[in-house]
Amino acid sequence: MVRPAPVRPPAPAPLRLRTELHRTLTRVRHEIDMDLRATALSPEAIHDLHRDLRRLAIGLSVWRRLVPSGRAAAVTELTQHLRRLARLVGRVRDRDVTAGLLLPTPATRSRPKVDRNWDEFLGRLREDTQAGRELLRAFLTSERQNGLLDRLAEALELEPRPGAARSLHFVLAEERRRRQGRVRKAHRKARRNPSSARLHRLRIRIRQWRHLTALEGTQAASPEPPPPPSWRRMQTRLGRLHDLDVAIATIPEELRDGPGSRGIVETRRRLRRSVRRSLKELGARPERARPRPRSREGS
């Protein structure tokens, strides 16, 4: 008689969280290793690394609250280090996007030259983009050799403190409320004054909310719904607008009214007008988290 295989109980919630963060760290490690082996960093590789670094930083901000208090400061320091690295990768990614928007493609390379000053600017942009990628490669090599990824792996192997399994639900709900509150605040400010800085901040807040919700969805049996499609669409549109803002800010002021930049300036103008309309139509209240029962984190 064949006995049925024993049913294994699900892993405790903090261990599931640790497993998910290990998966993200493994992707980051693989992406860095591939980038360092590649002849040249591709825009796609830089984009993927930027995304996973942000996701890992969000997860570590939750993990920090589950480890013993004496080790939380070390996890916080690693999280801040990771965010600085993500910002550096993001700046290189922005320059890549700018190059993609402004540099001629094979389809447009045969067109007549627009202006000598414009062509000189594009030459500098091409050189700066390549230099930025090489500096990023050197920085990633330094971080790899200095053991950043190994320290992150060690932080994820810390034993959760007593009561962490009960606390995780409350920590995630609290983080969700905090992220949603930041979205509401950024939305109000952007509606009052839709400056480039405020629109970019709103985009970041929506993105952080989505990362947190995605992480929560891997931990809960009945996860909270993800951000509504209207907010996800707004993040996408704000991302395109940010790319155009960065590209135009890169163009020397004396060339912004020239034929080379006229098309991209007009595209940004139309998109900004559309985004301002959408901000007024968008619901200002992200879905609320469920009421938070009193936490027994000290138990």
Protein backbone atom coordinates (compact mmCIF):
# COMPACT_ATOMS: atom_id res chain seq x y z
CA MET A 1 0.00 0.00 0.00
CA VAL A 2 1.41 3.33 -1.05
CA ARG A 3 1.16 5.92 1.63
CA PRO A 4 0.27 9.44 0.53
CA ALA A 5 3.06 11.92 0.75
CA PRO A 6 2.85 14.04 3.88
CA VAL A 7 1.40 17.50 3.40
CA ARG A 8 3.98 20.06 4.36
CA PRO A 9 2.67 23.06 6.23
CA PRO A 10 3.27 26.40 4.51
CA ALA A 11 6.40 28.23 5.55
CA PRO A 12 5.91 30.99 8.12
CA ALA A 13 5.17 34.37 6.55
CA PRO A 14 8.57 35.96 7.35
CA LEU A 15 10.33 33.02 5.68
CA ARG A 16 8.14 33.42 2.57
CA LEU A 17 9.10 37.09 2.52
CA ARG A 18 12.77 36.15 2.83
CA THR A 19 12.42 33.68 -0.05
CA GLU A 20 10.85 36.35 -2.26
CA LEU A 21 13.62 38.84 -1.44
CA HIS A 22 16.24 36.18 -2.17
CA ARG A 23 14.66 35.73 -5.62
CA THR A 24 14.92 39.44 -6.30
CA LEU A 25 18.51 39.53 -5.02
CA THR A 26 19.35 36.59 -7.29
CA ARG A 27 18.01 38.55 -10.27
CA VAL A 28 20.05 41.59 -9.25
CA ARG A 29 23.20 39.47 -8.90
CA HIS A 30 22.59 37.86 -12.31
CA GLU A 31 21.92 41.24 -13.96
CA ILE A 32 25.09 42.78 -12.52
CA ASP A 33 27.18 39.78 -13.53
CA MET A 34 25.76 39.86 -17.06
CA ASP A 35 26.33 43.61 -17.31
CA LEU A 36 29.96 43.24 -16.23
CA ARG A 37 30.56 40.47 -18.77
CA ALA A 38 28.85 42.29 -21.65
CA THR A 39 30.89 44.19 -24.18
CA ALA A 40 28.61 47.20 -23.66
CA LEU A 41 25.76 47.86 -21.26
CA SER A 42 22.45 47.81 -23.10
CA PRO A 43 19.59 50.19 -22.22
CA GLU A 44 17.36 47.16 -21.55
CA ALA A 45 19.84 45.69 -19.05
CA ILE A 46 20.15 49.01 -17.24
CA HIS A 47 16.35 49.32 -17.09
CA ASP A 48 15.95 45.81 -15.62
CA LEU A 49 18.64 46.40 -13.01
CA HIS A 50 17.10 49.73 -12.02
CA ARG A 51 13.67 48.11 -11.55
CA ASP A 52 14.93 45.19 -9.45
CA LEU A 53 17.11 47.38 -7.24
CA ARG A 54 14.04 49.46 -6.40
CA ARG A 55 11.97 46.36 -5.67
CA LEU A 56 14.67 44.95 -3.42
CA ALA A 57 14.93 48.23 -1.50
CA ILE A 58 11.16 48.22 -0.87
CA GLY A 59 11.35 44.63 0.38
CA LEU A 60 14.29 45.36 2.67
CA SER A 61 12.39 48.25 4.23
CA VAL A 62 9.80 45.67 5.32
CA TRP A 63 12.35 43.01 6.32
CA ARG A 64 14.13 45.54 8.55
CA ARG A 65 11.05 45.67 10.77
CA LEU A 66 11.05 41.89 11.32
CA VAL A 67 14.66 41.34 12.39
CA PRO A 68 15.94 41.77 15.97
CA SER A 69 16.21 45.41 16.93
CA GLY A 70 19.98 45.15 17.33
CA ARG A 71 20.36 44.22 13.66
CA ALA A 72 17.76 46.59 12.18
CA ALA A 73 20.27 49.46 11.84
CA ALA A 74 22.54 47.34 9.64
CA VAL A 75 19.61 46.42 7.37
CA THR A 76 18.61 50.10 7.20
CA GLU A 77 22.14 51.05 6.15
CA LEU A 78 22.10 48.40 3.39
CA THR A 79 18.70 49.64 2.21
CA GLN A 80 19.99 53.21 1.95
CA HIS A 81 23.07 51.99 0.11
CA LEU A 82 20.83 50.11 -2.31
CA ARG A 83 18.72 53.19 -2.93
CA ARG A 84 21.80 55.27 -3.71
CA LEU A 85 22.90 52.61 -6.19
CA ALA A 86 19.41 52.61 -7.75
CA ARG A 87 19.56 56.41 -8.15
CA LEU A 88 22.92 56.13 -9.90
CA VAL A 89 21.59 53.45 -12.25
CA GLY A 90 18.50 55.62 -12.79
CA ARG A 91 20.60 58.59 -13.90
CA VAL A 92 22.40 56.42 -16.45
CA ARG A 93 19.04 55.03 -17.57
CA ASP A 94 17.71 58.60 -18.03
CA ARG A 95 20.68 59.47 -20.21
CA ASP A 96 20.09 56.33 -22.28
CA VAL A 97 16.45 57.29 -22.80
CA THR A 98 17.49 60.82 -23.78
CA ALA A 99 19.92 59.41 -26.33
CA GLY A 100 17.16 57.19 -27.70
CA LEU A 101 14.87 60.20 -28.11
CA LEU A 102 17.39 62.59 -29.65
CA LEU A 103 20.06 60.62 -31.47
CA PRO A 104 19.31 59.73 -35.10
CA THR A 105 18.14 56.22 -35.87
CA PRO A 106 19.01 54.20 -39.01
CA ALA A 107 15.71 55.39 -40.49
CA THR A 108 16.54 59.07 -39.96
CA ARG A 109 20.30 59.01 -40.43
CA SER A 110 20.06 59.75 -44.14
CA ARG A 111 18.06 62.94 -43.64
CA PRO A 112 19.79 66.29 -44.21
CA LYS A 113 21.71 67.64 -41.26
CA VAL A 114 19.65 70.06 -39.19
CA ASP A 115 22.29 72.41 -37.86
CA ARG A 116 26.00 72.31 -37.12
CA ASN A 117 25.48 73.28 -33.46
CA TRP A 118 22.80 70.60 -33.13
CA ASP A 119 25.11 67.98 -34.61
CA GLU A 120 27.88 68.99 -32.20
CA PHE A 121 25.44 68.67 -29.30
CA LEU A 122 24.43 65.18 -30.45
CA GLY A 123 28.10 64.21 -30.64
CA ARG A 124 28.63 65.31 -27.04
CA LEU A 125 25.46 63.49 -25.98
CA ARG A 126 26.69 60.29 -27.60
CA GLU A 127 30.05 60.57 -25.81
CA ASP A 128 28.44 61.44 -22.45
CA THR A 129 26.07 58.48 -22.71
CA GLN A 130 28.91 56.08 -23.34
CA ALA A 131 31.00 57.61 -20.55
CA GLY A 132 28.07 57.24 -18.15
CA ARG A 133 27.75 53.55 -18.97
CA GLU A 134 31.46 52.96 -18.42
CA LEU A 135 31.38 54.79 -15.09
CA LEU A 136 28.40 52.67 -14.06
CA ARG A 137 30.27 49.52 -15.04
CA ALA A 138 33.23 50.60 -12.89
CA PHE A 139 30.93 51.38 -9.96
CA LEU A 140 29.14 48.03 -10.25
CA THR A 141 32.51 46.27 -10.34
CA SER A 142 33.55 48.10 -7.16
CA GLU A 143 30.30 47.24 -5.37
CA ARG A 144 30.60 43.60 -6.43
CA GLN A 145 34.19 43.34 -5.21
CA ASN A 146 33.39 45.13 -1.94
CA GLY A 147 30.78 42.49 -1.12
CA LEU A 148 27.55 44.49 -1.30
CA LEU A 149 25.57 41.55 -2.67
CA ASP A 150 27.05 39.18 -0.09
CA ARG A 151 26.11 41.56 2.74
CA LEU A 152 22.59 41.75 1.38
CA ALA A 153 22.37 37.95 1.31
CA GLU A 154 23.62 37.80 4.92
CA ALA A 155 21.00 40.34 5.99
CA LEU A 156 18.29 38.13 4.52
CA GLU A 157 19.57 35.17 6.53
CA LEU A 158 18.99 36.93 9.85
CA GLU A 159 16.51 35.07 12.02
CA PRO A 160 13.25 37.02 12.39
CA ARG A 161 12.60 38.17 15.93
CA PRO A 162 9.97 36.44 18.10
CA GLY A 163 6.49 37.49 17.04
CA ALA A 164 7.57 38.46 13.53
CA ALA A 165 5.08 36.08 11.93
CA ARG A 166 2.21 37.91 13.62
CA SER A 167 3.77 41.30 12.94
CA LEU A 168 4.23 40.92 9.20
CA HIS A 169 0.53 41.42 8.44
CA PHE A 170 0.48 44.64 10.44
CA VAL A 171 3.77 45.87 9.00
CA LEU A 172 2.54 45.36 5.43
CA ALA A 173 -0.81 47.04 6.15
CA GLU A 174 0.96 49.98 7.77
CA GLU A 175 3.38 50.30 4.85
CA ARG A 176 0.48 50.15 2.42
CA ARG A 177 -1.36 52.95 4.23
CA ARG A 178 1.81 55.02 4.30
CA ARG A 179 2.46 54.54 0.58
CA GLN A 180 -1.16 55.33 -0.27
CA GLY A 181 -1.00 58.46 1.90
CA ARG A 182 2.06 59.61 0.01
CA VAL A 183 0.25 59.06 -3.29
CA ARG A 184 -2.71 61.16 -2.09
CA LYS A 185 -0.42 63.95 -0.90
CA ALA A 186 1.63 63.97 -4.12
CA HIS A 187 -1.57 63.93 -6.17
CA ARG A 188 -2.97 66.97 -4.34
CA LYS A 189 0.24 68.90 -4.84
CA ALA A 190 0.47 67.96 -8.50
CA ARG A 191 -3.12 69.08 -9.12
CA ARG A 192 -2.43 72.46 -7.52
CA ASN A 193 0.86 73.01 -9.32
CA PRO A 194 1.76 70.40 -11.99
CA SER A 195 5.46 71.25 -12.14
CA SER A 196 7.88 68.71 -13.57
CA ALA A 197 9.26 68.03 -10.08
CA ARG A 198 5.82 67.42 -8.56
CA LEU A 199 4.68 65.21 -11.43
CA HIS A 200 7.87 63.18 -11.14
CA ARG A 201 7.33 62.80 -7.39
CA LEU A 202 3.78 61.55 -8.00
CA ARG A 203 5.13 58.99 -10.44
CA ILE A 204 7.65 57.75 -7.85
CA ARG A 205 4.95 57.50 -5.17
CA ILE A 206 2.65 55.45 -7.42
CA ARG A 207 5.54 53.19 -8.38
CA GLN A 208 6.47 52.58 -4.72
CA TRP A 209 2.85 51.79 -3.91
CA ARG A 210 2.76 49.25 -6.75
CA HIS A 211 6.03 47.61 -5.67
CA LEU A 212 4.76 47.27 -2.10
CA THR A 213 1.42 45.83 -3.24
CA ALA A 214 3.18 43.32 -5.50
CA LEU A 215 5.38 42.22 -2.59
CA GLU A 216 2.35 41.91 -0.33
CA GLY A 217 0.62 39.77 -2.95
CA THR A 218 3.34 37.13 -2.60
CA GLN A 219 2.79 36.88 1.18
CA ALA A 220 -0.94 36.99 1.86
CA ALA A 221 -3.52 34.29 1.19
CA SER A 222 -6.03 37.06 0.39
CA PRO A 223 -3.86 39.92 -0.84
CA GLU A 224 -5.10 43.45 -1.19
CA PRO A 225 -6.09 44.46 -4.73
CA PRO A 226 -3.37 46.12 -6.78
CA PRO A 227 -3.59 49.82 -7.62
CA PRO A 228 -6.49 50.55 -9.97
CA PRO A 229 -5.67 50.65 -13.71
CA SER A 230 -6.21 54.42 -13.76
CA TRP A 231 -3.24 54.89 -11.40
CA ARG A 232 -1.08 52.45 -13.33
CA ARG A 233 -1.86 54.30 -16.57
CA MET A 234 -1.03 57.59 -14.87
CA GLN A 235 2.36 56.21 -13.79
CA THR A 236 3.11 55.15 -17.37
CA ARG A 237 2.17 58.55 -18.78
CA LEU A 238 4.13 60.38 -16.11
CA GLY A 239 7.10 58.17 -16.97
CA ARG A 240 6.92 59.23 -20.62
CA LEU A 241 6.59 62.85 -19.56
CA HIS A 242 9.61 62.56 -17.26
CA ASP A 243 11.68 61.10 -20.10
CA LEU A 244 10.73 64.06 -22.31
CA ASP A 245 11.49 66.53 -19.50
CA VAL A 246 14.94 65.02 -18.98
CA ALA A 247 15.65 65.00 -22.72
CA ILE A 248 14.66 68.66 -23.14
CA ALA A 249 16.63 69.69 -20.04
CA THR A 250 19.68 68.07 -21.66
CA ILE A 251 19.37 70.24 -24.78
CA PRO A 252 21.27 73.56 -24.53
CA GLU A 253 18.82 76.42 -24.09
CA GLU A 254 19.88 78.12 -27.31
CA LEU A 255 18.95 74.98 -29.28
CA ARG A 256 15.52 74.30 -27.77
CA ASP A 257 13.68 76.39 -30.34
CA GLY A 258 15.59 74.92 -33.27
CA PRO A 259 14.33 72.37 -35.80
CA GLY A 260 16.15 69.50 -34.09
CA SER A 261 14.21 69.84 -30.85
CA ARG A 262 10.93 71.28 -32.09
CA GLY A 263 9.19 67.93 -32.40
CA ILE A 264 10.06 66.68 -28.93
CA VAL A 265 9.10 70.01 -27.32
CA GLU A 266 5.70 69.87 -29.01
CA THR A 267 5.21 66.24 -27.92
CA ARG A 268 5.91 67.20 -24.32
CA ARG A 269 3.54 70.15 -24.50
CA ARG A 270 0.66 67.94 -25.68
CA LEU A 271 1.40 65.25 -23.10
CA ARG A 272 1.59 67.77 -20.25
CA ARG A 273 -1.78 69.19 -21.25
CA SER A 274 -3.29 65.70 -21.32
CA VAL A 275 -1.75 64.77 -17.95
CA ARG A 276 -3.15 67.91 -16.33
CA ARG A 277 -6.64 66.97 -17.47
CA SER A 278 -6.20 63.43 -16.19
CA LEU A 279 -5.01 64.64 -12.79
CA LYS A 280 -8.35 66.39 -12.29
CA GLU A 281 -10.30 63.32 -13.37
CA LEU A 282 -8.27 60.82 -11.36
CA GLY A 283 -9.71 59.76 -8.04
CA ALA A 284 -7.62 61.32 -5.30
CA ARG A 285 -8.11 58.46 -2.85
CA PRO A 286 -6.21 55.21 -3.39
CA GLU A 287 -8.06 52.25 -1.91
CA ARG A 288 -7.67 52.24 1.83
CA ALA A 289 -5.94 49.48 3.72
CA ARG A 290 -8.12 47.51 6.09
CA PRO A 291 -8.27 48.93 9.62
CA ARG A 292 -5.16 48.00 11.52
CA PRO A 293 -5.77 46.01 14.71
CA ARG A 294 -3.48 46.77 17.60
CA SER A 295 -0.14 45.10 16.91
CA ARG A 296 1.48 42.82 19.47
CA GLU A 297 4.98 43.22 18.03
CA GLY A 298 6.59 42.93 21.42
CA SER A 299 5.12 39.48 22.08
